[in-house]
Amino acid sequence: MSSQDTTSDTGFFGHPKGLQTLFLTEMWERMSYYGMRAMLVLFMTATLQQEGLGFTVASAAAIYGLYTGSVYFLGLPGGWIADRLLGGQRAVWYGGIIIMCGHIILAIPSQFSFFVGLIFVASGTGLLKPNISAMVGQLYNDEDNRRDSGYAIYYMGINLGSVIGYAVCGYFMENVGWHWAFGAAAVGMAIGLVNYRLTDKHIATVGNAPTNPMTGSQSTKAWGAIAIVITAVAAITAAAFIGVFVINPVELAKYVAIAFTVTFFLYYGYIYFGGNLDADEKRRMWALFLVCVASTCFWSGFEQAGSSLNLFARDYTDRLVGSFSIPTAWFQSANAFFIIVLSPFFAALWINLAKRMITPTYSVKCAIGLIIMASGFIVMFFASQYAAQGLQVAPMWLITTYFLHTVGELCLSPVALSAVSKLSPKRFAGQMMGVFVLTYSIGNIFSGLLAGSFDPNNIEDLPNLYLQIALFTIGIGVFVGVLGLKTKHWEKQSEKPLTEQTA
């Protein structure tokens, strides 16, 4: 469906009231997700005596990458289900319920329940995440200059939730117990669901029905196929747990990375070549492709936060402040804290630049963010050299890295979400958001593989890992930025009436 006309709706900091509903729902969902996510590698690498799983760093990082990658990969069928079967509103609601159930399962102290819980959280997030993001864009019409600012405010809500999650789950993790921390994440998602239901009147016309609904018989077949997939996943999980076959997480991650990348190109190509797009829509799809490249590379570096940087905080950082030891997970909250502080400035930045007729393309904004994020790994290159000498590194090295990652994220992530909302063909809005979220998935898988290549018994390898990440990412940023400068016309909106564009 097209964006509703809400130019006169300024009930939430100058934005539509519906943004408040989506802001708070996503805030609590992110509290549950990030609070739990910060613990995954630490829990898996903790010894059995510490009530962890006792996995190697390579296996834990690969599982972490597979999990976070799957979270975003499932946004592709999640967007399709919303577009064809449920509509955005119901997809967000049911996705949140599945996430909450997943966190409850994680709170059960069992290795089997741990993996089942991860499957539930990944599935629910795949249903919720792309559709709530798409609904933010649908609050604005195409001529509304508040769109980028709205996504920046929405993004601040995401990170406010993550600060709460890191603080609560990080404290429970180190002072009460792992599974109490997982349970706290379930409470956060429950609060988000309550808020969504109590304030859904503000989004009554946004995502309330499928944009391209199936007929009765088609719908029945689609739900049957979904049931078959769920049954197959359950059977494979049970078979792996009872030892019918053994899964090597590292090798699986490599194959999954290839599969996700192929899926991205196939689905993107399907919409481009088979979506009956006009010339303007195809040009905007090329502009969006550059944004997707930048996003993939960005997340492959940024997501080291939950793996190699998380382990660096635990093992090589001086966390003592007097007699108090800073919980490891709290370091990750630096990123969210900086976003909360800086988001209003970035929200105003793009509006003020537009008033001065300075409008960098989406690709250029993303390239700048990519390069700034990469500079954080230059900082870690020097920090890890000290660690390789057997020294405990001062916390400011990690804090500086997270600051640079945050500035890069604010240049890229909300802008990229806005680009998908604005540049995607309107009749494929939910699916294109799912395709874009797939770039998070690919980046997360590669992030896990990169982190898993670090051997904790050979700390001297770490500086080279961070330097390689920095140089590669800077190179991609320069490439995307140069192309973005030369292809500004690709992002221009068609002059055709909206009804003709979506016919």
Protein backbone atom coordinates (compact mmCIF):
# COMPACT_ATOMS: atom_id res chain seq x y z
CA MET A 1 0.00 0.00 0.00
CA SER A 2 1.16 3.55 -0.51
CA SER A 3 2.23 5.84 2.27
CA GLN A 4 -0.61 7.60 3.99
CA ASP A 5 -0.84 11.38 3.87
CA THR A 6 0.27 12.44 7.36
CA THR A 7 1.92 15.78 6.66
CA SER A 8 -0.42 17.44 9.17
CA ASP A 9 0.19 14.79 11.85
CA THR A 10 2.92 16.12 14.13
CA GLY A 11 1.93 14.47 17.42
CA PHE A 12 5.30 12.85 18.18
CA PHE A 13 8.17 15.38 18.18
CA GLY A 14 6.87 16.82 14.92
CA HIS A 15 6.25 13.38 13.42
CA PRO A 16 3.14 11.19 13.05
CA LYS A 17 1.81 9.64 16.28
CA GLY A 18 2.26 6.23 14.70
CA LEU A 19 6.01 6.73 15.02
CA GLN A 20 5.57 6.66 18.81
CA THR A 21 3.87 3.26 18.64
CA LEU A 22 6.57 1.78 16.43
CA PHE A 23 9.36 3.55 18.37
CA LEU A 24 8.35 2.05 21.73
CA THR A 25 7.53 -1.40 20.37
CA GLU A 26 10.88 -1.65 18.63
CA MET A 27 12.66 -0.23 21.71
CA TRP A 28 11.45 -3.10 23.92
CA GLU A 29 12.02 -5.72 21.24
CA ARG A 30 15.60 -4.49 20.85
CA MET A 31 16.02 -4.53 24.65
CA SER A 32 15.24 -8.23 24.59
CA TYR A 33 17.28 -8.97 21.47
CA TYR A 34 20.47 -7.06 22.25
CA GLY A 35 20.44 -7.95 25.93
CA MET A 36 20.38 -11.63 25.00
CA ARG A 37 22.73 -11.28 22.02
CA ALA A 38 25.47 -9.70 24.13
CA MET A 39 25.65 -12.90 26.17
CA LEU A 40 25.75 -15.50 23.40
CA VAL A 41 29.48 -15.82 22.70
CA LEU A 42 30.32 -15.33 26.38
CA PHE A 43 27.82 -18.04 27.40
CA MET A 44 28.96 -20.49 24.74
CA THR A 45 32.68 -20.05 25.56
CA ALA A 46 32.19 -20.14 29.34
CA THR A 47 33.29 -23.42 30.90
CA LEU A 48 30.86 -26.05 32.15
CA GLN A 49 31.94 -25.16 35.70
CA GLN A 50 30.79 -21.60 34.95
CA GLU A 51 27.46 -23.07 33.76
CA GLY A 52 28.32 -22.24 30.16
CA LEU A 53 28.51 -24.56 27.14
CA GLY A 54 32.30 -24.91 26.92
CA PHE A 55 32.54 -24.34 23.14
CA THR A 56 35.71 -23.24 21.35
CA VAL A 57 35.93 -19.65 20.14
CA ALA A 58 35.76 -20.82 16.50
CA SER A 59 32.56 -22.81 17.10
CA ALA A 60 30.97 -20.13 19.29
CA ALA A 61 31.73 -17.36 16.77
CA ALA A 62 30.38 -19.48 13.90
CA ILE A 63 27.16 -20.24 15.82
CA TYR A 64 26.88 -16.56 16.71
CA GLY A 65 27.25 -15.63 13.04
CA LEU A 66 24.77 -18.29 11.97
CA TYR A 67 22.24 -17.13 14.54
CA THR A 68 22.52 -13.39 13.86
CA GLY A 69 22.69 -14.06 10.14
CA SER A 70 19.58 -16.23 10.28
CA VAL A 71 17.76 -13.53 12.27
CA TYR A 72 18.06 -11.20 9.31
CA PHE A 73 17.79 -13.84 6.57
CA LEU A 74 14.37 -14.76 7.88
CA GLY A 75 13.33 -11.16 7.20
CA LEU A 76 12.97 -12.23 3.56
CA PRO A 77 10.15 -14.73 4.12
CA GLY A 78 8.91 -12.43 6.90
CA GLY A 79 8.43 -9.59 4.42
CA TRP A 80 6.80 -11.96 1.93
CA ILE A 81 4.37 -13.29 4.56
CA ALA A 82 3.36 -9.72 5.43
CA ASP A 83 2.95 -8.69 1.77
CA ARG A 84 0.97 -11.78 0.75
CA LEU A 85 -0.70 -13.26 3.85
CA LEU A 86 -0.83 -11.23 7.06
CA GLY A 87 -0.13 -7.54 6.50
CA GLY A 88 2.52 -5.66 8.43
CA GLN A 89 0.56 -5.10 11.62
CA ARG A 90 -0.24 -8.75 12.30
CA ALA A 91 3.25 -9.86 11.22
CA VAL A 92 4.77 -7.59 13.87
CA TRP A 93 2.33 -8.84 16.53
CA TYR A 94 2.84 -12.56 15.90
CA GLY A 95 6.58 -12.09 15.47
CA GLY A 96 6.80 -10.46 18.88
CA ILE A 97 4.92 -13.36 20.50
CA ILE A 98 7.32 -15.90 18.95
CA ILE A 99 10.32 -13.87 20.15
CA MET A 100 8.98 -13.78 23.70
CA CYS A 101 8.47 -17.55 23.66
CA GLY A 102 12.04 -17.99 22.43
CA HIS A 103 13.47 -16.01 25.33
CA ILE A 104 11.38 -18.05 27.78
CA ILE A 105 12.81 -21.26 26.27
CA LEU A 106 16.36 -19.85 26.57
CA ALA A 107 15.75 -19.34 30.27
CA ILE A 108 15.50 -23.13 30.68
CA PRO A 109 18.94 -24.48 31.74
CA SER A 110 19.48 -27.05 28.97
CA GLN A 111 21.74 -27.17 25.91
CA PHE A 112 18.86 -28.44 23.76
CA SER A 113 16.54 -25.65 24.91
CA PHE A 114 19.31 -23.15 24.12
CA PHE A 115 19.31 -24.01 20.42
CA VAL A 116 15.52 -24.30 20.26
CA GLY A 117 15.25 -20.86 21.87
CA LEU A 118 17.63 -19.40 19.29
CA ILE A 119 15.44 -20.79 16.49
CA PHE A 120 12.34 -19.21 18.03
CA VAL A 121 13.98 -15.80 18.50
CA ALA A 122 15.43 -15.84 14.98
CA SER A 123 12.08 -16.79 13.45
CA GLY A 124 10.11 -14.18 15.36
CA THR A 125 12.62 -11.45 14.57
CA GLY A 126 12.49 -12.35 10.88
CA LEU A 127 8.74 -11.79 10.97
CA LEU A 128 8.84 -8.58 13.03
CA LYS A 129 11.96 -6.70 11.98
CA PRO A 130 11.49 -5.98 8.24
CA ASN A 131 7.83 -5.16 8.63
CA ILE A 132 8.06 -2.73 11.51
CA SER A 133 10.84 -0.91 9.63
CA ALA A 134 8.73 -0.79 6.46
CA MET A 135 5.78 0.57 8.45
CA VAL A 136 7.89 3.52 9.61
CA GLY A 137 8.40 4.49 5.97
CA GLN A 138 4.67 4.10 5.28
CA LEU A 139 3.92 6.83 7.82
CA TYR A 140 5.21 9.39 5.27
CA ASN A 141 4.34 10.18 1.69
CA ASP A 142 7.06 10.43 -0.96
CA GLU A 143 7.29 14.23 -0.75
CA ASP A 144 7.59 14.35 3.06
CA ASN A 145 11.10 15.56 3.96
CA ARG A 146 10.66 14.23 7.50
CA ARG A 147 11.31 10.64 6.36
CA ASP A 148 15.08 10.55 7.02
CA SER A 149 14.62 12.40 10.31
CA GLY A 150 11.85 9.97 11.29
CA TYR A 151 14.09 6.99 10.69
CA ALA A 152 16.82 8.62 12.77
CA ILE A 153 14.39 9.06 15.69
CA TYR A 154 13.16 5.49 15.25
CA TYR A 155 16.76 4.35 15.29
CA MET A 156 17.30 6.18 18.57
CA GLY A 157 14.50 4.07 20.05
CA ILE A 158 16.27 0.93 18.90
CA ASN A 159 19.39 1.94 20.74
CA LEU A 160 17.61 3.14 23.85
CA GLY A 161 16.24 -0.39 24.08
CA SER A 162 19.69 -1.87 23.61
CA VAL A 163 21.10 0.25 26.46
CA ILE A 164 18.39 -1.12 28.74
CA GLY A 165 19.07 -4.65 27.51
CA TYR A 166 22.83 -4.47 28.02
CA ALA A 167 22.42 -2.97 31.49
CA VAL A 168 19.79 -5.41 32.74
CA CYS A 169 20.95 -8.63 31.07
CA GLY A 170 24.63 -7.80 31.61
CA TYR A 171 24.05 -7.34 35.33
CA PHE A 172 21.96 -10.51 35.67
CA MET A 173 24.54 -12.46 33.68
CA GLU A 174 27.41 -11.75 36.05
CA ASN A 175 25.56 -11.38 39.35
CA VAL A 176 22.53 -13.70 39.24
CA GLY A 177 22.89 -16.29 36.48
CA TRP A 178 22.84 -16.83 32.73
CA HIS A 179 19.28 -18.08 32.51
CA TRP A 180 17.87 -15.32 34.71
CA ALA A 181 19.37 -12.92 32.19
CA PHE A 182 17.67 -14.77 29.32
CA GLY A 183 14.41 -14.55 31.28
CA ALA A 184 14.82 -10.80 31.68
CA ALA A 185 14.90 -10.55 27.87
CA ALA A 186 11.52 -12.29 27.73
CA VAL A 187 10.04 -9.67 30.08
CA GLY A 188 11.29 -6.89 27.80
CA MET A 189 9.57 -8.37 24.75
CA ALA A 190 6.35 -8.80 26.75
CA ILE A 191 6.36 -5.07 27.60
CA GLY A 192 6.81 -4.27 23.91
CA LEU A 193 3.82 -6.39 22.96
CA VAL A 194 1.62 -4.71 25.55
CA ASN A 195 2.60 -1.25 24.24
CA TYR A 196 1.91 -2.30 20.66
CA ARG A 197 -1.57 -3.53 21.43
CA LEU A 198 -2.53 -0.53 23.60
CA THR A 199 -1.44 2.09 21.01
CA ASP A 200 -2.15 0.37 17.69
CA LYS A 201 -4.90 2.92 16.96
CA HIS A 202 -2.14 5.31 15.81
CA ILE A 203 -1.19 2.93 12.98
CA ALA A 204 -4.71 1.84 12.07
CA THR A 205 -4.20 2.39 8.32
CA VAL A 206 -0.52 1.40 8.12
CA GLY A 207 0.20 -2.22 7.24
CA ASN A 208 -3.33 -3.26 8.19
CA ALA A 209 -3.67 -5.59 5.19
CA PRO A 210 -1.40 -7.45 2.73
CA THR A 211 -0.25 -5.23 -0.13
CA ASN A 212 -0.47 -8.07 -2.64
CA PRO A 213 -2.83 -10.63 -1.02
CA MET A 214 -3.19 -14.22 -2.15
CA THR A 215 -6.49 -15.78 -3.08
CA GLY A 216 -8.17 -18.38 -0.86
CA SER A 217 -6.64 -21.49 -2.45
CA GLN A 218 -3.23 -19.86 -2.84
CA SER A 219 -3.28 -18.81 0.79
CA THR A 220 -4.11 -22.35 1.94
CA LYS A 221 -1.21 -23.79 -0.07
CA ALA A 222 1.17 -21.15 1.26
CA TRP A 223 0.27 -21.88 4.88
CA GLY A 224 0.69 -25.60 4.15
CA ALA A 225 4.19 -24.98 2.79
CA ILE A 226 5.06 -22.93 5.87
CA ALA A 227 3.86 -25.79 8.11
CA ILE A 228 6.06 -28.25 6.19
CA VAL A 229 9.13 -26.02 6.63
CA ILE A 230 8.49 -25.67 10.37
CA THR A 231 8.11 -29.45 10.71
CA ALA A 232 11.34 -30.05 8.77
CA VAL A 233 13.32 -27.61 10.93
CA ALA A 234 11.98 -29.26 14.08
CA ALA A 235 12.92 -32.73 12.80
CA ILE A 236 16.45 -31.67 11.78
CA THR A 237 17.03 -29.98 15.13
CA ALA A 238 15.91 -33.04 17.07
CA ALA A 239 17.99 -35.38 14.89
CA ALA A 240 21.12 -33.27 15.39
CA PHE A 241 20.61 -33.15 19.14
CA ILE A 242 20.22 -36.93 19.57
CA GLY A 243 23.33 -37.56 17.44
CA VAL A 244 21.86 -38.83 14.17
CA PHE A 245 24.42 -36.57 12.47
CA VAL A 246 27.06 -34.09 13.61
CA ILE A 247 27.07 -30.44 12.56
CA ASN A 248 30.37 -28.60 12.21
CA PRO A 249 29.39 -24.94 12.91
CA VAL A 250 32.35 -23.44 11.03
CA GLU A 251 31.80 -25.45 7.84
CA LEU A 252 28.07 -24.87 8.04
CA ALA A 253 28.65 -21.13 8.36
CA LYS A 254 30.72 -21.12 5.17
CA TYR A 255 28.02 -22.89 3.16
CA VAL A 256 25.29 -20.72 4.62
CA ALA A 257 27.23 -17.56 3.70
CA ILE A 258 27.32 -18.73 0.09
CA ALA A 259 23.64 -19.69 0.16
CA PHE A 260 22.57 -16.33 1.60
CA THR A 261 24.61 -14.42 -0.99
CA VAL A 262 23.15 -16.44 -3.86
CA THR A 263 19.65 -15.94 -2.44
CA PHE A 264 20.19 -12.17 -2.31
CA PHE A 265 21.20 -11.98 -5.96
CA LEU A 266 18.44 -14.31 -7.12
CA TYR A 267 15.68 -12.46 -5.26
CA TYR A 268 17.03 -9.03 -6.23
CA GLY A 269 17.27 -10.18 -9.84
CA TYR A 270 13.76 -11.65 -9.71
CA ILE A 271 12.26 -8.32 -8.68
CA TYR A 272 14.45 -6.36 -11.12
CA PHE A 273 13.81 -8.54 -14.18
CA GLY A 274 10.44 -10.10 -13.33
CA GLY A 275 8.71 -7.33 -11.43
CA ASN A 276 7.49 -5.43 -14.50
CA LEU A 277 9.47 -2.35 -13.45
CA ASP A 278 9.61 0.80 -15.53
CA ALA A 279 12.88 2.57 -16.40
CA ASP A 280 12.77 4.90 -13.37
CA GLU A 281 12.21 2.02 -10.96
CA LYS A 282 15.12 0.08 -12.49
CA ARG A 283 17.48 3.04 -12.09
CA ARG A 284 16.49 3.38 -8.44
CA MET A 285 17.07 -0.35 -7.99
CA TRP A 286 20.66 0.15 -9.19
CA ALA A 287 21.10 2.99 -6.72
CA LEU A 288 19.71 0.77 -3.98
CA PHE A 289 22.14 -2.00 -4.97
CA LEU A 290 25.10 0.25 -4.06
CA VAL A 291 23.51 0.84 -0.66
CA CYS A 292 23.18 -2.94 -0.23
CA VAL A 293 26.88 -3.48 -0.98
CA ALA A 294 27.87 -0.86 1.58
CA SER A 295 25.49 -2.34 4.15
CA THR A 296 26.87 -5.87 3.75
CA CYS A 297 30.45 -4.77 4.28
CA PHE A 298 29.50 -2.48 7.14
CA TRP A 299 27.83 -5.22 9.20
CA SER A 300 30.61 -7.73 8.60
CA GLY A 301 32.86 -5.33 10.51
CA PHE A 302 30.40 -3.78 12.92
CA GLU A 303 29.14 -7.13 14.23
CA GLN A 304 32.57 -7.93 15.64
CA ALA A 305 31.06 -6.17 18.67
CA GLY A 306 29.31 -9.34 19.81
CA SER A 307 32.20 -11.69 19.04
CA SER A 308 35.87 -10.67 18.85
CA LEU A 309 35.40 -7.25 20.51
CA ASN A 310 33.25 -8.87 23.20
CA LEU A 311 35.98 -11.43 23.93
CA PHE A 312 38.58 -8.64 23.85
CA ALA A 313 36.59 -6.83 26.53
CA ARG A 314 36.42 -9.96 28.68
CA ASP A 315 39.99 -11.22 28.33
CA TYR A 316 42.26 -8.28 27.46
CA THR A 317 40.62 -5.17 28.91
CA ASP A 318 41.19 -3.80 32.39
CA ARG A 319 37.60 -3.74 33.70
CA LEU A 320 38.32 -2.86 37.32
CA VAL A 321 37.14 0.50 38.63
CA GLY A 322 38.26 0.47 42.25
CA SER A 323 36.79 -2.77 43.58
CA PHE A 324 34.01 -2.90 40.98
CA SER A 325 34.44 -5.04 37.85
CA ILE A 326 32.53 -3.65 34.86
CA PRO A 327 30.30 -6.39 33.37
CA THR A 328 31.64 -7.37 29.96
CA ALA A 329 28.31 -6.76 28.20
CA TRP A 330 28.24 -3.16 29.39
CA PHE A 331 30.98 -2.18 26.96
CA GLN A 332 28.62 -2.87 24.07
CA SER A 333 26.19 -0.33 25.52
CA ALA A 334 28.70 2.40 24.58
CA ASN A 335 27.51 2.14 20.99
CA ALA A 336 23.88 2.52 21.98
CA PHE A 337 24.65 5.36 24.40
CA PHE A 338 26.49 7.30 21.69
CA ILE A 339 23.60 6.78 19.28
CA ILE A 340 21.10 8.17 21.79
CA VAL A 341 23.30 11.24 22.28
CA LEU A 342 24.14 11.78 18.62
CA SER A 343 20.89 10.75 16.87
CA PRO A 344 19.14 14.14 17.32
CA PHE A 345 22.11 15.88 15.69
CA PHE A 346 22.09 13.50 12.72
CA ALA A 347 18.30 13.76 12.43
CA ALA A 348 18.67 17.54 12.14
CA LEU A 349 21.78 17.31 9.95
CA TRP A 350 20.09 15.89 6.86
CA ILE A 351 17.16 18.32 7.13
CA ASN A 352 19.45 21.36 7.48
CA LEU A 353 21.63 20.21 4.59
CA ALA A 354 18.53 19.79 2.43
CA LYS A 355 17.44 23.34 3.29
CA ARG A 356 20.82 24.52 1.96
CA MET A 357 20.32 22.43 -1.19
CA ILE A 358 23.11 20.07 -0.11
CA THR A 359 21.79 16.55 -0.56
CA PRO A 360 24.45 13.82 -0.73
CA THR A 361 23.17 10.68 -2.39
CA TYR A 362 22.26 7.67 -0.30
CA SER A 363 25.35 5.91 -1.66
CA VAL A 364 27.70 8.71 -0.62
CA LYS A 365 26.22 8.87 2.89
CA CYS A 366 26.66 5.12 3.24
CA ALA A 367 30.23 5.24 1.94
CA ILE A 368 31.13 7.88 4.51
CA GLY A 369 29.66 5.72 7.25
CA LEU A 370 31.57 2.68 6.04
CA ILE A 371 34.92 4.48 6.09
CA ILE A 372 34.33 5.99 9.55
CA MET A 373 33.41 2.56 10.94
CA ALA A 374 36.57 1.07 9.43
CA SER A 375 38.69 3.63 11.27
CA GLY A 376 37.55 2.01 14.52
CA PHE A 377 39.48 -1.11 13.57
CA ILE A 378 42.61 0.96 13.08
CA VAL A 379 42.20 1.90 16.75
CA MET A 380 41.82 -1.79 17.64
CA PHE A 381 44.91 -2.62 15.58
CA PHE A 382 46.99 -0.57 18.01
CA ALA A 383 45.08 -1.77 21.09
CA SER A 384 45.55 -5.43 20.17
CA GLN A 385 49.28 -4.87 19.79
CA TYR A 386 49.42 -3.94 23.47
CA ALA A 387 47.32 -6.99 24.32
CA ALA A 388 49.72 -9.18 22.32
CA GLN A 389 52.49 -7.99 24.67
CA GLY A 390 50.55 -9.42 27.61
CA LEU A 391 49.16 -6.10 28.85
CA GLN A 392 45.63 -5.35 30.05
CA VAL A 393 44.35 -2.60 27.75
CA ALA A 394 42.63 0.53 29.06
CA PRO A 395 38.84 0.64 28.43
CA MET A 396 39.16 3.83 26.36
CA TRP A 397 40.47 1.86 23.39
CA LEU A 398 37.19 -0.03 23.12
CA ILE A 399 35.13 3.06 23.92
CA THR A 400 36.88 5.00 21.13
CA THR A 401 36.25 2.15 18.71
CA TYR A 402 32.57 2.03 19.61
CA PHE A 403 32.34 5.81 19.19
CA LEU A 404 33.70 5.61 15.64
CA HIS A 405 31.44 2.64 14.89
CA THR A 406 28.49 4.67 16.15
CA VAL A 407 29.23 7.67 13.94
CA GLY A 408 29.58 5.34 10.98
CA GLU A 409 26.35 3.59 11.87
CA LEU A 410 24.42 6.85 12.07
CA CYS A 411 25.72 7.86 8.64
CA LEU A 412 24.76 4.52 7.12
CA SER A 413 22.04 2.54 8.87
CA PRO A 414 19.04 4.91 9.19
CA VAL A 415 19.90 6.40 5.80
CA ALA A 416 19.99 2.93 4.24
CA LEU A 417 16.59 2.07 5.74
CA SER A 418 15.22 5.29 4.32
CA ALA A 419 16.75 4.45 0.93
CA VAL A 420 14.96 1.11 0.84
CA SER A 421 11.66 2.76 1.75
CA LYS A 422 12.05 5.47 -0.89
CA LEU A 423 13.82 3.68 -3.76
CA SER A 424 12.00 0.33 -3.70
CA PRO A 425 9.10 -0.24 -6.11
CA LYS A 426 6.01 0.48 -4.00
CA ARG A 427 4.28 -2.84 -4.68
CA PHE A 428 7.37 -4.72 -3.44
CA ALA A 429 7.96 -2.60 -0.33
CA GLY A 430 7.84 -5.41 2.25
CA GLN A 431 9.81 -7.85 0.11
CA MET A 432 12.51 -5.28 -0.70
CA MET A 433 12.91 -4.50 2.98
CA GLY A 434 13.37 -8.23 3.49
CA VAL A 435 15.93 -8.36 0.67
CA PHE A 436 17.78 -5.43 2.19
CA VAL A 437 17.77 -6.96 5.67
CA LEU A 438 19.43 -9.94 3.98
CA THR A 439 22.56 -7.74 3.69
CA TYR A 440 22.65 -7.74 7.50
CA SER A 441 22.48 -11.52 7.33
CA ILE A 442 25.37 -11.92 4.91
CA GLY A 443 27.45 -9.43 6.88
CA ASN A 444 26.77 -11.26 10.15
CA ILE A 445 27.81 -14.63 8.74
CA PHE A 446 31.09 -13.22 7.45
CA SER A 447 31.57 -11.45 10.77
CA GLY A 448 31.29 -14.75 12.62
CA LEU A 449 33.77 -16.42 10.28
CA LEU A 450 36.23 -13.56 10.69
CA ALA A 451 35.96 -13.65 14.49
CA GLY A 452 36.27 -17.44 14.50
CA SER A 453 39.61 -17.22 12.70
CA PHE A 454 41.09 -15.67 15.85
CA ASP A 455 42.85 -18.20 18.06
CA PRO A 456 42.79 -16.98 21.69
CA ASN A 457 46.01 -18.91 22.26
CA ASN A 458 47.71 -16.78 19.57
CA ILE A 459 46.85 -13.22 20.54
CA GLU A 460 49.59 -11.99 18.22
CA ASP A 461 47.27 -12.80 15.27
CA LEU A 462 44.64 -10.31 16.41
CA PRO A 463 46.30 -7.07 15.17
CA ASN A 464 46.50 -8.49 11.64
CA LEU A 465 42.81 -9.46 11.74
CA TYR A 466 41.72 -5.95 12.67
CA LEU A 467 44.04 -4.34 10.10
CA GLN A 468 42.66 -6.52 7.30
CA ILE A 469 39.09 -5.61 8.23
CA ALA A 470 39.98 -1.90 8.25
CA LEU A 471 41.75 -1.84 4.88
CA PHE A 472 39.13 -3.92 3.06
CA THR A 473 36.25 -1.86 4.40
CA ILE A 474 37.89 1.46 3.53
CA GLY A 475 38.47 0.20 -0.02
CA ILE A 476 34.80 -0.75 -0.45
CA GLY A 477 33.75 2.61 1.01
CA VAL A 478 35.82 4.52 -1.53
CA PHE A 479 34.45 2.38 -4.38
CA VAL A 480 30.80 2.95 -3.37
CA GLY A 481 31.38 6.67 -2.75
CA VAL A 482 32.93 7.28 -6.17
CA LEU A 483 30.10 5.46 -7.94
CA GLY A 484 27.56 7.35 -5.82
CA LEU A 485 28.98 10.68 -6.97
CA LYS A 486 28.65 9.66 -10.61
CA THR A 487 25.16 8.17 -10.41
CA LYS A 488 23.17 10.78 -8.49
CA HIS A 489 20.42 10.80 -11.13
CA TRP A 490 19.61 7.16 -10.36
CA GLU A 491 17.98 8.20 -7.09
CA LYS A 492 15.64 10.79 -8.58
CA GLN A 493 11.93 10.14 -8.20
CA SER A 494 9.86 9.70 -11.31
CA GLU A 495 7.66 12.59 -12.37
CA LYS A 496 4.81 10.19 -13.09
CA PRO A 497 1.76 10.16 -10.84
CA LEU A 498 1.95 7.57 -8.09
CA THR A 499 -1.05 5.69 -9.50
CA GLU A 500 0.77 5.23 -12.80
CA GLN A 501 3.96 4.09 -11.06
CA THR A 502 2.17 1.36 -9.12
CA ALA A 503 -0.20 0.24 -11.86
